[in-house]
Structures are given as C-alpha cells and as structure tokens.
Amino acid sequence: MLSCKEVSVLLSQVQERRLGPGERLGLELHLMLCAGCTNFRQQLNFMRVALRRYVNREDQP
C-alpha cells in the first residue's frame, strides 16, 4: 500500500498528468482508508477551483 507521502505526491501530479492504472488503484485504496489524505485531496481541489475562479474573474483590467 502507498504511504501518505507517496499519495501526496500522486495527488499533486494528477493535476498535470494522467495516472497509470496501478497508480490510480493504489491511490484510491489508500484514500478509502486514510482520512488525512482524503482531506488533503479535498483541500487541493478547493484551491484549484478557487485559483481558476480568481484567474477567470470578471473584474480583470
């Protein structure tokens, strides 16, 4: 099973590349068992959405 450190790296990489089947499986198995890493994934997703909204805001000059 993947460690939390390995999962944090994969969660960051998934934003930039497609994970292989083994990586996806290991990641999902770990996330089913680890509340801390699940929370980290939610935080990354929140930041990604917030940044996208900031960049695309209407009040840009």
PDB file of N, CA and C in Angstrom:
ATOM      1  N   MET A   1       0.843  -1.185   0.000  1.00  0.00           N
ATOM      2  CA  MET A   1       0.000   0.000   0.000  1.00  0.00           C
ATOM      3  C   MET A   1       0.886   1.245   0.000  1.00  0.00           C
ATOM      4  N   LEU A   2       0.402   2.279  -0.641  1.00  0.00           N
ATOM      5  CA  LEU A   2       1.148   3.531  -0.729  1.00  0.00           C
ATOM      6  C   LEU A   2       1.198   4.228   0.629  1.00  0.00           C
ATOM      7  N   SER A   3       2.279   4.943   0.861  1.00  0.00           N
ATOM      8  CA  SER A   3       2.397   5.751   2.073  1.00  0.00           C
ATOM      9  C   SER A   3       1.686   7.094   1.848  1.00  0.00           C
ATOM     10  N   CYS A   4       1.448   7.800   2.926  1.00  0.00           N
ATOM     11  CA  CYS A   4       0.823   9.127   2.805  1.00  0.00           C
ATOM     12  C   CYS A   4       1.698  10.074   1.989  1.00  0.00           C
ATOM     13  N   LYS A   5       3.008   9.962   2.137  1.00  0.00           N
ATOM     14  CA  LYS A   5       3.917  10.810   1.361  1.00  0.00           C
ATOM     15  C   LYS A   5       3.776  10.518  -0.134  1.00  0.00           C
ATOM     16  N   GLU A   6       3.730   9.229  -0.503  1.00  0.00           N
ATOM     17  CA  GLU A   6       3.559   8.860  -1.911  1.00  0.00           C
ATOM     18  C   GLU A   6       2.218   9.343  -2.450  1.00  0.00           C
ATOM     19  N   VAL A   7       1.179   9.255  -1.629  1.00  0.00           N
ATOM     20  CA  VAL A   7      -0.151   9.708  -2.042  1.00  0.00           C
ATOM     21  C   VAL A   7      -0.161  11.212  -2.254  1.00  0.00           C
ATOM     22  N   SER A   8       0.494  11.962  -1.382  1.00  0.00           N
ATOM     23  CA  SER A   8       0.520  13.419  -1.551  1.00  0.00           C
ATOM     24  C   SER A   8       1.212  13.800  -2.857  1.00  0.00           C
ATOM     25  N   VAL A   9       2.254  13.065  -3.224  1.00  0.00           N
ATOM     26  CA  VAL A   9       2.944  13.325  -4.495  1.00  0.00           C
ATOM     27  C   VAL A   9       2.006  13.015  -5.660  1.00  0.00           C
ATOM     28  N   LEU A  10       1.332  11.860  -5.617  1.00  0.00           N
ATOM     29  CA  LEU A  10       0.414  11.494  -6.699  1.00  0.00           C
ATOM     30  C   LEU A  10      -0.743  12.483  -6.810  1.00  0.00           C
ATOM     31  N   LEU A  11      -1.267  12.945  -5.677  1.00  0.00           N
ATOM     32  CA  LEU A  11      -2.369  13.906  -5.721  1.00  0.00           C
ATOM     33  C   LEU A  11      -1.932  15.210  -6.374  1.00  0.00           C
ATOM     34  N   SER A  12      -0.690  15.581  -6.185  1.00  0.00           N
ATOM     35  CA  SER A  12      -0.175  16.778  -6.848  1.00  0.00           C
ATOM     36  C   SER A  12       0.055  16.518  -8.338  1.00  0.00           C
ATOM     37  N   GLN A  13       0.566  15.343  -8.669  1.00  0.00           N
ATOM     38  CA  GLN A  13       0.861  15.016 -10.062  1.00  0.00           C
ATOM     39  C   GLN A  13      -0.398  14.823 -10.898  1.00  0.00           C
ATOM     40  N   VAL A  14      -1.478  14.366 -10.292  1.00  0.00           N
ATOM     41  CA  VAL A  14      -2.701  14.087 -11.048  1.00  0.00           C
ATOM     42  C   VAL A  14      -3.250  15.360 -11.698  1.00  0.00           C
ATOM     43  N   GLN A  15      -2.843  16.516 -11.207  1.00  0.00           N
ATOM     44  CA  GLN A  15      -3.259  17.776 -11.807  1.00  0.00           C
ATOM     45  C   GLN A  15      -2.565  18.014 -13.145  1.00  0.00           C
ATOM     46  N   GLU A  16      -1.425  17.356 -13.347  1.00  0.00           N
ATOM     47  CA  GLU A  16      -0.608  17.632 -14.522  1.00  0.00           C
ATOM     48  C   GLU A  16      -0.458  16.457 -15.486  1.00  0.00           C
ATOM     49  N   ARG A  17      -0.770  15.259 -15.015  1.00  0.00           N
ATOM     50  CA  ARG A  17      -0.597  14.093 -15.885  1.00  0.00           C
ATOM     51  C   ARG A  17      -1.639  13.037 -15.538  1.00  0.00           C
ATOM     52  N   ARG A  18      -1.840  12.131 -16.457  1.00  0.00           N
ATOM     53  CA  ARG A  18      -2.768  11.023 -16.247  1.00  0.00           C
ATOM     54  C   ARG A  18      -2.030   9.902 -15.508  1.00  0.00           C
ATOM     55  N   LEU A  19      -2.623   9.433 -14.419  1.00  0.00           N
ATOM     56  CA  LEU A  19      -2.017   8.351 -13.655  1.00  0.00           C
ATOM     57  C   LEU A  19      -2.262   7.017 -14.350  1.00  0.00           C
ATOM     58  N   GLY A  20      -1.322   6.109 -14.186  1.00  0.00           N
ATOM     59  CA  GLY A  20      -1.481   4.769 -14.719  1.00  0.00           C
ATOM     60  C   GLY A  20      -2.481   3.980 -13.884  1.00  0.00           C
ATOM     61  N   PRO A  21      -2.931   2.844 -14.397  1.00  0.00           N
ATOM     62  CA  PRO A  21      -3.926   2.039 -13.676  1.00  0.00           C
ATOM     63  C   PRO A  21      -3.464   1.608 -12.281  1.00  0.00           C
ATOM     64  N   GLY A  22      -2.206   1.211 -12.149  1.00  0.00           N
ATOM     65  CA  GLY A  22      -1.682   0.801 -10.848  1.00  0.00           C
ATOM     66  C   GLY A  22      -1.629   1.958  -9.873  1.00  0.00           C
ATOM     67  N   GLU A  23      -1.226   3.126 -10.373  1.00  0.00           N
ATOM     68  CA  GLU A  23      -1.171   4.309  -9.520  1.00  0.00           C
ATOM     69  C   GLU A  23      -2.567   4.699  -9.054  1.00  0.00           C
ATOM     70  N   ARG A  24      -3.530   4.679  -9.981  1.00  0.00           N
ATOM     71  CA  ARG A  24      -4.909   5.040  -9.622  1.00  0.00           C
ATOM     72  C   ARG A  24      -5.473   4.091  -8.576  1.00  0.00           C
ATOM     73  N   LEU A  25      -5.237   2.800  -8.783  1.00  0.00           N
ATOM     74  CA  LEU A  25      -5.739   1.804  -7.843  1.00  0.00           C
ATOM     75  C   LEU A  25      -5.124   1.994  -6.459  1.00  0.00           C
ATOM     76  N   GLY A  26      -3.806   2.147  -6.416  1.00  0.00           N
ATOM     77  CA  GLY A  26      -3.130   2.372  -5.138  1.00  0.00           C
ATOM     78  C   GLY A  26      -3.613   3.631  -4.449  1.00  0.00           C
ATOM     79  N   LEU A  27      -3.809   4.674  -5.231  1.00  0.00           N
ATOM     80  CA  LEU A  27      -4.287   5.939  -4.689  1.00  0.00           C
ATOM     81  C   LEU A  27      -5.688   5.793  -4.108  1.00  0.00           C
ATOM     82  N   GLU A  28      -6.597   5.198  -4.857  1.00  0.00           N
ATOM     83  CA  GLU A  28      -7.974   5.056  -4.388  1.00  0.00           C
ATOM     84  C   GLU A  28      -8.066   4.143  -3.170  1.00  0.00           C
ATOM     85  N   LEU A  29      -7.287   3.064  -3.139  1.00  0.00           N
ATOM     86  CA  LEU A  29      -7.284   2.181  -1.968  1.00  0.00           C
ATOM     87  C   LEU A  29      -6.818   2.933  -0.728  1.00  0.00           C
ATOM     88  N   HIS A  30      -5.751   3.699  -0.884  1.00  0.00           N
ATOM     89  CA  HIS A  30      -5.235   4.469   0.246  1.00  0.00           C
ATOM     90  C   HIS A  30      -6.269   5.489   0.726  1.00  0.00           C
ATOM     91  N   LEU A  31      -6.898   6.177  -0.220  1.00  0.00           N
ATOM     92  CA  LEU A  31      -7.859   7.211   0.152  1.00  0.00           C
ATOM     93  C   LEU A  31      -9.085   6.637   0.858  1.00  0.00           C
ATOM     94  N   MET A  32      -9.436   5.394   0.562  1.00  0.00           N
ATOM     95  CA  MET A  32     -10.569   4.763   1.257  1.00  0.00           C
ATOM     96  C   MET A  32     -10.264   4.534   2.737  1.00  0.00           C
ATOM     97  N   LEU A  33      -8.980   4.433   3.053  1.00  0.00           N
ATOM     98  CA  LEU A  33      -8.592   4.111   4.421  1.00  0.00           C
ATOM     99  C   LEU A  33      -7.999   5.272   5.203  1.00  0.00           C
ATOM    100  N   CYS A  34      -7.643   6.351   4.539  1.00  0.00           N
ATOM    101  CA  CYS A  34      -6.906   7.432   5.191  1.00  0.00           C
ATOM    102  C   CYS A  34      -7.676   8.752   5.124  1.00  0.00           C
ATOM    103  N   ALA A  35      -8.206   9.164   6.249  1.00  0.00           N
ATOM    104  CA  ALA A  35      -8.965  10.418   6.319  1.00  0.00           C
ATOM    105  C   ALA A  35      -8.066  11.631   6.082  1.00  0.00           C
ATOM    106  N   GLY A  36      -6.833  11.571   6.528  1.00  0.00           N
ATOM    107  CA  GLY A  36      -5.916  12.695   6.351  1.00  0.00           C
ATOM    108  C   GLY A  36      -5.628  12.977   4.887  1.00  0.00           C
ATOM    109  N   CYS A  37      -5.370  11.934   4.125  1.00  0.00           N
ATOM    110  CA  CYS A  37      -5.089  12.108   2.696  1.00  0.00           C
ATOM    111  C   CYS A  37      -6.346  12.492   1.927  1.00  0.00           C
ATOM    112  N   THR A  38      -7.486  11.979   2.358  1.00  0.00           N
ATOM    113  CA  THR A  38      -8.753  12.379   1.739  1.00  0.00           C
ATOM    114  C   THR A  38      -8.990  13.862   1.958  1.00  0.00           C
ATOM    115  N   ASN A  39      -8.700  14.335   3.161  1.00  0.00           N
ATOM    116  CA  ASN A  39      -8.828  15.763   3.463  1.00  0.00           C
ATOM    117  C   ASN A  39      -7.853  16.582   2.613  1.00  0.00           C
ATOM    118  N   PHE A  40      -6.632  16.091   2.455  1.00  0.00           N
ATOM    119  CA  PHE A  40      -5.638  16.782   1.633  1.00  0.00           C
ATOM    120  C   PHE A  40      -6.124  16.894   0.187  1.00  0.00           C
ATOM    121  N   ARG A  41      -6.717  15.828  -0.347  1.00  0.00           N
ATOM    122  CA  ARG A  41      -7.253  15.868  -1.715  1.00  0.00           C
ATOM    123  C   ARG A  41      -8.354  16.919  -1.822  1.00  0.00           C
ATOM    124  N   GLN A  42      -9.223  16.985  -0.840  1.00  0.00           N
ATOM    125  CA  GLN A  42     -10.288  17.987  -0.860  1.00  0.00           C
ATOM    126  C   GLN A  42      -9.715  19.397  -0.805  1.00  0.00           C
ATOM    127  N   GLN A  43      -8.672  19.594  -0.018  1.00  0.00           N
ATOM    128  CA  GLN A  43      -8.031  20.905   0.054  1.00  0.00           C
ATOM    129  C   GLN A  43      -7.393  21.286  -1.284  1.00  0.00           C
ATOM    130  N   LEU A  44      -6.721  20.336  -1.920  1.00  0.00           N
ATOM    131  CA  LEU A  44      -6.132  20.608  -3.242  1.00  0.00           C
ATOM    132  C   LEU A  44      -7.208  20.973  -4.256  1.00  0.00           C
ATOM    133  N   ASN A  45      -8.313  20.238  -4.247  1.00  0.00           N
ATOM    134  CA  ASN A  45      -9.406  20.526  -5.178  1.00  0.00           C
ATOM    135  C   ASN A  45      -9.990  21.904  -4.920  1.00  0.00           C
ATOM    136  N   PHE A  46     -10.165  22.265  -3.645  1.00  0.00           N
ATOM    137  CA  PHE A  46     -10.691  23.583  -3.303  1.00  0.00           C
ATOM    138  C   PHE A  46      -9.766  24.684  -3.820  1.00  0.00           C
ATOM    139  N   MET A  47      -8.461  24.514  -3.596  1.00  0.00           N
ATOM    140  CA  MET A  47      -7.503  25.526  -4.050  1.00  0.00           C
ATOM    141  C   MET A  47      -7.492  25.640  -5.573  1.00  0.00           C
ATOM    142  N   ARG A  48      -7.589  24.503  -6.275  1.00  0.00           N
ATOM    143  CA  ARG A  48      -7.612  24.522  -7.738  1.00  0.00           C
ATOM    144  C   ARG A  48      -8.824  25.289  -8.251  1.00  0.00           C
ATOM    145  N   VAL A  49      -9.993  25.027  -7.679  1.00  0.00           N
ATOM    146  CA  VAL A  49     -11.216  25.713  -8.093  1.00  0.00           C
ATOM    147  C   VAL A  49     -11.129  27.202  -7.766  1.00  0.00           C
ATOM    148  N   ALA A  50     -10.651  27.535  -6.564  1.00  0.00           N
ATOM    149  CA  ALA A  50     -10.541  28.939  -6.164  1.00  0.00           C
ATOM    150  C   ALA A  50      -9.577  29.692  -7.075  1.00  0.00           C
ATOM    151  N   LEU A  51      -8.460  29.086  -7.411  1.00  0.00           N
ATOM    152  CA  LEU A  51      -7.494  29.739  -8.292  1.00  0.00           C
ATOM    153  C   LEU A  51      -8.072  29.935  -9.680  1.00  0.00           C
ATOM    154  N   ARG A  52      -8.773  28.927 -10.184  1.00  0.00           N
ATOM    155  CA  ARG A  52      -9.392  29.033 -11.501  1.00  0.00           C
ATOM    156  C   ARG A  52     -10.413  30.180 -11.514  1.00  0.00           C
ATOM    157  N   ARG A  53     -11.216  30.277 -10.469  1.00  0.00           N
ATOM    158  CA  ARG A  53     -12.207  31.367 -10.385  1.00  0.00           C
ATOM    159  C   ARG A  53     -11.524  32.720 -10.289  1.00  0.00           C
ATOM    160  N   TYR A  54     -10.424  32.787  -9.552  1.00  0.00           N
ATOM    161  CA  TYR A  54      -9.704  34.045  -9.433  1.00  0.00           C
ATOM    162  C   TYR A  54      -9.139  34.476 -10.789  1.00  0.00           C
ATOM    163  N   VAL A  55      -8.540  33.558 -11.502  1.00  0.00           N
ATOM    164  CA  VAL A  55      -7.949  33.864 -12.798  1.00  0.00           C
ATOM    165  C   VAL A  55      -9.026  34.277 -13.798  1.00  0.00           C
ATOM    166  N   ASN A  56     -10.193  33.667 -13.727  1.00  0.00           N
ATOM    167  CA  ASN A  56     -11.256  33.934 -14.681  1.00  0.00           C
ATOM    168  C   ASN A  56     -12.252  34.999 -14.206  1.00  0.00           C
ATOM    169  N   ARG A  57     -11.925  35.727 -13.170  1.00  0.00           N
ATOM    170  CA  ARG A  57     -12.871  36.711 -12.632  1.00  0.00           C
ATOM    171  C   ARG A  57     -13.154  37.809 -13.665  1.00  0.00           C
ATOM    172  N   GLU A  58     -14.289  38.420 -13.514  1.00  0.00           N
ATOM    173  CA  GLU A  58     -14.761  39.427 -14.488  1.00  0.00           C
ATOM    174  C   GLU A  58     -14.108  40.795 -14.326  1.00  0.00           C
ATOM    175  N   ASP A  59     -13.619  41.122 -13.148  1.00  0.00           N
ATOM    176  CA  ASP A  59     -13.130  42.478 -12.904  1.00  0.00           C
ATOM    177  C   ASP A  59     -11.675  42.686 -13.299  1.00  0.00           C
ATOM    178  N   GLN A  60     -11.128  41.830 -14.139  1.00  0.00           N
ATOM    179  CA  GLN A  60      -9.759  41.996 -14.588  1.00  0.00           C
ATOM    180  C   GLN A  60      -9.651  43.192 -15.525  1.00  0.00           C
ATOM    181  N   PRO A  61      -8.530  43.935 -15.430  1.00  0.00           N
ATOM    182  CA  PRO A  61      -8.342  45.087 -16.339  1.00  0.00           C
ATOM    183  C   PRO A  61      -8.093  44.663 -17.762  1.00  0.00           C
TER     184      PRO A  61
END
